Protein backbone atom coordinates (compact mmCIF):
# COMPACT_ATOMS: atom_id res chain seq x y z
CA UNK A 1 9.12 -25.27 -14.96
CA UNK A 2 11.66 -26.47 -12.50
CA UNK A 3 14.56 -25.09 -14.70
CA UNK A 4 12.74 -21.79 -14.95
CA UNK A 5 12.53 -21.49 -11.16
CA UNK A 6 16.21 -22.53 -10.91
CA UNK A 7 17.23 -19.80 -13.38
CA UNK A 8 15.37 -17.20 -11.37
CA UNK A 9 17.04 -18.13 -8.23
CA UNK A 10 20.58 -18.18 -9.88
CA UNK A 11 19.79 -14.75 -11.39
CA UNK A 12 18.98 -13.35 -7.94
CA UNK A 13 22.14 -14.76 -6.44
CA UNK A 14 24.26 -13.32 -9.29
CA UNK A 15 22.64 -9.95 -8.76
CA UNK A 16 23.45 -10.04 -5.07
CA UNK A 17 27.04 -10.97 -5.73
CA UNK A 18 27.56 -8.50 -8.65
CA UNK A 19 26.02 -5.64 -6.78
CA UNK A 20 23.18 -5.09 -9.27
CA UNK A 21 19.44 -4.81 -8.49
CA UNK A 22 16.50 -6.94 -9.42
CA UNK A 23 12.75 -6.26 -9.56
CA UNK A 24 10.87 -9.23 -7.84
CA UNK A 25 7.64 -9.95 -9.22
CA UNK A 26 7.44 -13.56 -7.67
CA UNK A 27 7.19 -13.85 -3.84
CA UNK A 28 9.50 -16.87 -3.78
CA UNK A 29 12.40 -14.78 -4.86
CA UNK A 30 12.55 -13.15 -1.36
CA UNK A 31 12.72 -16.53 0.38
CA UNK A 32 16.47 -17.36 -0.28
CA UNK A 33 17.18 -13.60 0.09
CA UNK A 34 15.94 -13.63 3.73
CA UNK A 35 18.67 -16.25 4.74
CA UNK A 36 21.43 -13.47 4.36
CA UNK A 37 19.08 -10.49 4.94
CA UNK A 38 19.40 -9.95 8.53
CA UNK A 39 23.22 -9.90 8.67
CA UNK A 40 23.37 -7.46 5.81
CA UNK A 41 21.01 -4.80 7.24
CA UNK A 42 22.60 -4.72 10.74
CA UNK A 43 26.17 -4.11 9.59
CA UNK A 44 27.79 -1.04 8.00
CA UNK A 45 27.04 2.57 7.82
CA UNK A 46 25.38 2.83 4.30
CA UNK A 47 23.17 0.91 2.01
CA UNK A 48 25.82 0.00 -0.61
CA UNK A 49 25.60 -3.63 -1.52
CA UNK A 50 22.95 -4.27 1.09
CA UNK A 51 20.03 -6.33 0.20
CA UNK A 52 16.70 -4.49 0.32
CA UNK A 53 13.28 -6.16 -0.18
CA UNK A 54 10.27 -3.85 -0.49
CA UNK A 55 6.88 -5.38 0.28
CA UNK A 56 4.28 -3.64 -2.10
CA UNK A 57 1.01 -4.92 -3.10
CA UNK A 58 -1.07 -5.89 -6.32
CA UNK A 59 0.85 -5.13 -9.45
CA UNK A 60 -1.82 -2.73 -10.48
CA UNK A 61 -1.77 -0.79 -7.31
CA UNK A 62 0.02 2.36 -6.28
CA UNK A 63 2.16 0.47 -3.54
CA UNK A 64 3.71 -1.63 -6.37
CA UNK A 65 4.56 1.18 -8.61
CA UNK A 66 5.97 3.41 -5.83
CA UNK A 67 7.87 0.44 -4.57
CA UNK A 68 9.56 -0.09 -7.87
CA UNK A 69 10.56 3.51 -8.03
CA UNK A 70 11.88 3.41 -4.53
CA UNK A 71 13.91 0.16 -5.33
CA UNK A 72 15.40 2.11 -8.38
CA UNK A 73 16.25 5.17 -6.35
CA UNK A 74 17.93 3.12 -3.53
CA UNK A 75 20.07 1.40 -6.07
CA UNK A 76 20.83 4.59 -7.94
CA UNK A 77 21.76 6.78 -5.04
CA UNK A 78 22.80 4.37 -2.39
CA UNK A 79 24.12 1.25 -4.29
CA UNK A 80 21.67 -0.98 -2.62
CA UNK A 81 20.74 -4.44 -4.10
CA UNK A 82 17.09 -3.86 -4.19
CA UNK A 83 13.94 -5.63 -5.18
CA UNK A 84 10.08 -5.35 -4.71
CA UNK A 85 7.78 -8.21 -3.53
CA UNK A 86 4.24 -8.51 -4.82
CA UNK A 87 1.83 -9.15 -1.81
CA UNK A 88 -1.73 -8.77 -0.74
CA UNK A 89 -0.64 -5.40 0.55
CA UNK A 90 -1.22 -3.74 4.00
CA UNK A 91 -1.71 -6.54 6.44
CA UNK A 92 0.57 -9.03 4.81
CA UNK A 93 3.25 -6.37 4.52
CA UNK A 94 3.28 -5.64 8.20
CA UNK A 95 3.69 -9.31 8.83
CA UNK A 96 6.61 -9.65 6.31
CA UNK A 97 8.47 -6.79 7.82
CA UNK A 98 8.01 -7.78 11.48
CA UNK A 99 9.34 -11.17 10.58
CA UNK A 100 12.29 -9.75 8.69
CA UNK A 101 11.09 -11.33 5.47
CA UNK A 102 11.22 -7.73 3.89
CA UNK A 103 13.15 -4.53 4.87
CA UNK A 104 10.33 -2.06 4.11
CA UNK A 105 6.69 -2.43 3.63
CA UNK A 106 3.75 -0.16 2.50
CA UNK A 107 0.65 -0.21 4.85
CA UNK A 108 -2.31 1.84 5.67
CA UNK A 109 -2.35 3.12 9.33
CA UNK A 110 -5.73 1.26 10.30
CA UNK A 111 -3.80 -2.02 9.99
CA UNK A 112 -1.34 -0.96 12.69
CA UNK A 113 -3.89 -1.45 15.63
CA UNK A 114 -5.12 -4.86 14.45
CA UNK A 115 -4.54 -7.62 17.11
CA UNK A 116 -2.46 -9.60 14.64
CA UNK A 117 -0.04 -6.63 14.02
CA UNK A 118 3.03 -6.75 16.18
CA UNK A 119 3.53 -3.06 16.67
CA UNK A 120 6.57 -3.79 19.05
CA UNK A 121 8.56 -5.16 15.96
CA UNK A 122 7.64 -2.35 13.67
CA UNK A 123 8.96 1.35 13.21
CA UNK A 124 7.70 3.98 11.08
CA UNK A 125 9.99 5.57 8.50
CA UNK A 126 7.52 8.15 6.93
CA UNK A 127 3.98 8.96 6.38
CA UNK A 128 3.04 8.84 2.74
CA UNK A 129 -0.12 9.79 0.85
CA UNK A 130 -3.72 8.75 1.58
CA UNK A 131 -5.86 5.79 0.30
CA UNK A 132 -9.47 6.57 -0.78
CA UNK A 133 -12.13 4.11 -0.45
CA UNK A 134 -13.67 3.61 -3.92
CA UNK A 135 -16.84 1.49 -4.14
CA UNK A 136 -17.37 0.92 -7.82
CA UNK A 137 -20.05 -0.55 -9.97
CA UNK A 138 -21.32 -0.14 -13.56
CA UNK A 139 -24.19 2.05 -14.71
CA UNK A 140 -26.07 -0.96 -16.03
CA UNK A 141 -26.25 -2.40 -12.37
CA UNK A 142 -28.47 0.48 -11.24
CA UNK A 143 -26.71 0.49 -7.83
CA UNK A 144 -26.73 3.97 -6.29
CA UNK A 145 -26.32 3.29 -2.50
CA UNK A 146 -24.90 0.74 -0.07
CA UNK A 147 -28.53 -0.31 0.53
CA UNK A 148 -28.76 -1.49 -3.09
CA UNK A 149 -25.99 -4.04 -2.59
CA UNK A 150 -28.31 -6.51 -0.99
CA UNK A 151 -28.36 -9.76 -3.05
CA UNK A 152 -25.43 -8.45 -5.20
CA UNK A 153 -22.02 -9.96 -5.93
CA UNK A 154 -19.48 -7.85 -4.11
CA UNK A 155 -15.63 -7.95 -4.16
CA UNK A 156 -14.15 -6.84 -0.94
CA UNK A 157 -10.54 -7.41 -1.65
CA UNK A 158 -7.85 -10.00 -1.02
CA UNK A 159 -7.08 -11.58 2.33
CA UNK A 160 -4.31 -9.60 3.94
CA UNK A 161 -5.27 -6.28 2.16
CA UNK A 162 -6.36 -3.02 3.63
CA UNK A 163 -9.07 -2.99 1.09
CA UNK A 164 -10.81 -6.14 2.71
CA UNK A 165 -10.42 -4.71 6.16
CA UNK A 166 -11.95 -1.36 5.14
CA UNK A 167 -14.70 -3.03 3.00
CA UNK A 168 -15.72 -5.18 5.92
CA UNK A 169 -15.73 -2.33 8.40
CA UNK A 170 -18.09 -0.45 6.24
CA UNK A 171 -20.43 -3.15 5.54
CA UNK A 172 -20.54 -4.01 9.23
CA UNK A 173 -21.82 -0.55 9.91
CA UNK A 174 -24.79 -0.84 7.49
CA UNK A 175 -28.05 -2.39 8.22
CA UNK A 176 -27.64 -4.95 5.24
CA UNK A 177 -28.41 -8.60 5.93
CA UNK A 178 -24.97 -10.04 5.76
CA UNK A 179 -26.27 -13.51 4.83
CA UNK A 180 -27.60 -11.88 1.66
CA UNK A 181 -24.22 -10.40 0.56
CA UNK A 182 -22.38 -12.52 -2.03
CA UNK A 183 -18.72 -11.69 -1.22
CA UNK A 184 -15.63 -12.50 -3.33
CA UNK A 185 -11.95 -11.82 -2.48
CA UNK A 186 -10.18 -10.68 -5.71
CA UNK A 187 -7.21 -8.53 -6.40
CA UNK A 188 -7.54 -5.11 -7.97
CA UNK A 189 -6.76 -6.39 -11.54
CA UNK A 190 -9.18 -9.46 -11.04
CA UNK A 191 -11.89 -7.20 -9.61
CA UNK A 192 -11.66 -4.75 -12.49
CA UNK A 193 -11.95 -7.54 -15.09
CA UNK A 194 -14.88 -9.09 -13.16
CA UNK A 195 -16.67 -5.76 -13.17
CA UNK A 196 -16.21 -5.50 -16.83
CA UNK A 197 -17.43 -8.90 -17.85
CA UNK A 198 -20.29 -8.83 -15.20
CA UNK A 199 -19.36 -11.69 -12.93
CA UNK A 200 -19.52 -9.22 -10.04
CA UNK A 201 -21.77 -6.27 -9.44
CA UNK A 202 -19.71 -3.95 -7.28
CA UNK A 203 -16.16 -3.78 -5.93
CA UNK A 204 -14.22 -2.13 -3.10
CA UNK A 205 -10.87 -0.45 -3.85
CA UNK A 206 -8.80 1.18 -1.12
CA UNK A 207 -5.91 2.86 -2.88
CA UNK A 208 -4.42 6.22 -3.97
CA UNK A 209 -6.26 7.95 -6.68
CA UNK A 210 -6.55 7.42 -9.52
CA UNK A 211 -6.52 3.72 -9.20
CA UNK A 212 -4.95 2.35 -12.46
CA UNK A 213 -7.39 -0.38 -12.82
CA UNK A 214 -10.38 1.76 -12.25
CA UNK A 215 -9.00 4.27 -14.65
CA UNK A 216 -8.55 1.64 -17.35
CA UNK A 217 -12.06 0.33 -17.19
CA UNK A 218 -13.62 3.79 -17.02
CA UNK A 219 -12.43 4.43 -20.54
CA UNK A 220 -14.34 1.39 -21.76
CA UNK A 221 -17.33 1.02 -19.38
CA UNK A 222 -19.54 3.56 -17.83
CA UNK A 223 -18.92 3.35 -14.14
CA UNK A 224 -20.78 4.50 -10.92
CA UNK A 225 -19.34 5.26 -7.51
CA UNK A 226 -21.30 4.51 -4.42
CA UNK A 227 -20.93 7.13 -1.72
CA UNK A 228 -20.30 6.30 1.95
CA UNK A 229 -23.06 8.00 4.22
CA UNK A 230 -22.05 10.64 6.49
CA UNK A 231 -23.10 8.75 9.65
CA UNK A 232 -21.13 5.67 8.69
CA UNK A 233 -18.12 7.91 8.18
CA UNK A 234 -18.51 9.63 11.60
CA UNK A 235 -18.97 6.34 13.33
CA UNK A 236 -15.87 4.81 11.83
CA UNK A 237 -13.95 7.92 12.83
CA UNK A 238 -15.06 7.58 16.42
CA UNK A 239 -14.47 3.93 16.66
CA UNK A 240 -10.90 3.87 15.04
CA UNK A 241 -9.59 7.51 15.04
CA UNK A 242 -7.65 7.08 11.85
CA UNK A 243 -10.19 7.76 9.16
CA UNK A 244 -10.70 11.19 7.37
CA UNK A 245 -13.90 12.34 5.62
CA UNK A 246 -12.89 13.04 2.05
CA UNK A 247 -14.19 13.14 -1.52
CA UNK A 248 -13.20 11.36 -4.79
CA UNK A 249 -12.89 14.45 -7.06
CA UNK A 250 -15.13 14.52 -10.09
CA UNK A 251 -12.13 14.65 -12.52
CA UNK A 252 -10.61 11.54 -11.17
CA UNK A 253 -12.00 9.12 -13.73
CA UNK A 254 -13.57 9.39 -17.12
CA UNK A 255 -17.47 9.77 -16.96
CA UNK A 256 -17.58 11.11 -13.43
CA UNK A 257 -20.16 13.86 -13.10
CA UNK A 258 -19.71 14.83 -9.51
CA UNK A 259 -17.44 14.21 -6.51
CA UNK A 260 -18.20 11.21 -4.32
CA UNK A 261 -18.27 11.23 -0.49
CA UNK A 262 -15.80 8.74 1.18
CA UNK A 263 -13.09 8.23 3.63
CA UNK A 264 -9.36 8.31 3.22
CA UNK A 265 -6.70 6.46 5.18
CA UNK A 266 -3.06 7.67 5.61
CA UNK A 267 -0.33 5.28 4.31
CA UNK A 268 3.05 4.79 6.05
CA UNK A 269 6.31 3.23 5.12
CA UNK A 270 7.44 0.76 7.79
CA UNK A 271 10.54 -1.17 8.62
CA UNK A 272 11.49 -3.43 11.54
CA UNK A 273 12.87 -2.27 15.03
CA UNK A 274 16.32 -3.83 14.54
CA UNK A 275 17.20 -2.00 11.39
CA UNK A 276 20.42 0.13 12.06
CA UNK A 277 19.85 3.93 12.63
CA UNK A 278 22.26 4.97 9.80
CA UNK A 279 20.30 2.53 7.50
CA UNK A 280 16.90 3.97 8.29
CA UNK A 281 18.33 7.50 8.05
CA UNK A 282 19.71 6.89 4.57
CA UNK A 283 16.45 5.36 3.28
CA UNK A 284 14.36 8.43 4.45
CA UNK A 285 17.04 10.97 3.27
CA UNK A 286 17.09 9.31 -0.20
CA UNK A 287 13.37 9.45 -0.43
CA UNK A 288 12.99 13.12 0.41
CA UNK A 289 16.10 14.39 -1.30
CA UNK A 290 14.85 12.80 -4.59
CA UNK A 291 10.97 13.18 -3.83
CA UNK A 292 10.15 14.49 -7.32
CA UNK A 293 11.22 11.25 -8.89
CA UNK A 294 8.76 9.32 -6.65
CA UNK A 295 6.11 11.84 -7.36
CA UNK A 296 6.38 11.49 -11.07
CA UNK A 297 5.66 7.85 -10.75
CA UNK A 298 1.90 8.25 -9.77
CA UNK A 299 -0.28 11.18 -9.05
CA UNK A 300 -1.04 9.92 -5.60
CA UNK A 301 2.48 10.57 -4.56
CA UNK A 302 2.10 14.20 -4.98
CA UNK A 303 0.56 14.36 -1.58
CA UNK A 304 3.80 13.16 0.00
CA UNK A 305 5.62 15.92 1.79
CA UNK A 306 8.19 16.09 4.51
CA UNK A 307 6.04 18.57 6.45
CA UNK A 308 3.55 15.78 6.88
CA UNK A 309 6.09 12.99 7.43
CA UNK A 310 5.40 12.39 11.06
CA UNK A 311 1.71 13.16 11.29
CA UNK A 312 -1.26 10.78 11.66
CA UNK A 313 0.88 7.67 12.31
CA UNK A 314 0.02 5.58 15.37
CA UNK A 315 3.38 3.95 15.48
CA UNK A 316 6.77 4.71 16.99
CA UNK A 317 9.20 6.21 14.49
CA UNK A 318 12.56 4.59 13.93
CA UNK A 319 15.31 6.69 15.55
CA UNK A 320 17.27 6.86 12.30
CA UNK A 321 14.18 8.53 10.61
CA UNK A 322 13.71 10.82 13.50
CA UNK A 323 17.28 12.05 13.24
CA UNK A 324 16.75 13.02 9.73
CA UNK A 325 13.59 14.91 10.49
CA UNK A 326 15.31 16.64 13.34
CA UNK A 327 18.02 17.89 10.99
CA UNK A 328 15.23 19.13 8.54
CA UNK A 329 13.48 21.11 11.39
CA UNK A 330 10.40 18.93 11.07
CA UNK A 331 10.54 17.90 14.71
CA UNK A 332 12.51 19.15 17.66
CA UNK A 333 16.00 17.76 18.16
CA UNK A 334 15.71 14.61 20.13
């Protein structure tokens, strides 16, 4: 095991020195990288031979697949030494970026106003697609509403995830006796497996649609989706101001008979405040000049558009990103 770890670290060092890219599926890979990370991103006028870590999420989630594609794009078009980091997603990603342990992170915008999020150290690069809250159960559990969750085993997502944040906010809006909710904190892949084998009764997913894990189990197990009541949606909108009433379309997953009422949350790509203007400019330029490549990675990315790039994001944008958007006529020249 120790020899394997040494091999991985040696491979990363070789990649950096040789100018190649790597795809990081182990969090420890980013730790030696951060020792040289800061000096790399603050120097020079382009991304060539710059180390670029992208904080993503669960390997089965949309963040991860899009992060891998972005990593490949930054290498292909900018010569960046780039890799992805598996994380618990939104909350953890903002922490990693603000502490310079990652250059870029995916996050949902509701995370940005949490007390633990240091917005002063973060800057937005661009708005992305929306996450949809998907509350999933199996037909055999006979769960049709949030009220039916009393006494049930419910997964609300991992610590540090936007899924857990959203699940807890929704459950707090209900009249359910919280001491009668049996909660677990599993990843997307663990949650899907637990639904299939019956060790949990329902699970919250907050992700782009379709979620890969839900899509997979829907082809093997008959699923049901629990709607979010209108009054809860409206109260969450009033309280936080970042949620949108939406629907999961009826053709999203196998076996769905009708659309499901839910809420969606905009995602944003963030970096830290000290990233150079030219570096941030090139990142955003590469993303939008080659957007079809990103959109082919997952259907959720089809909602990414430059016209919406600066909307619904409660965070100051990086000046390098704003320069690019000004050149494209998206905002007035600064």
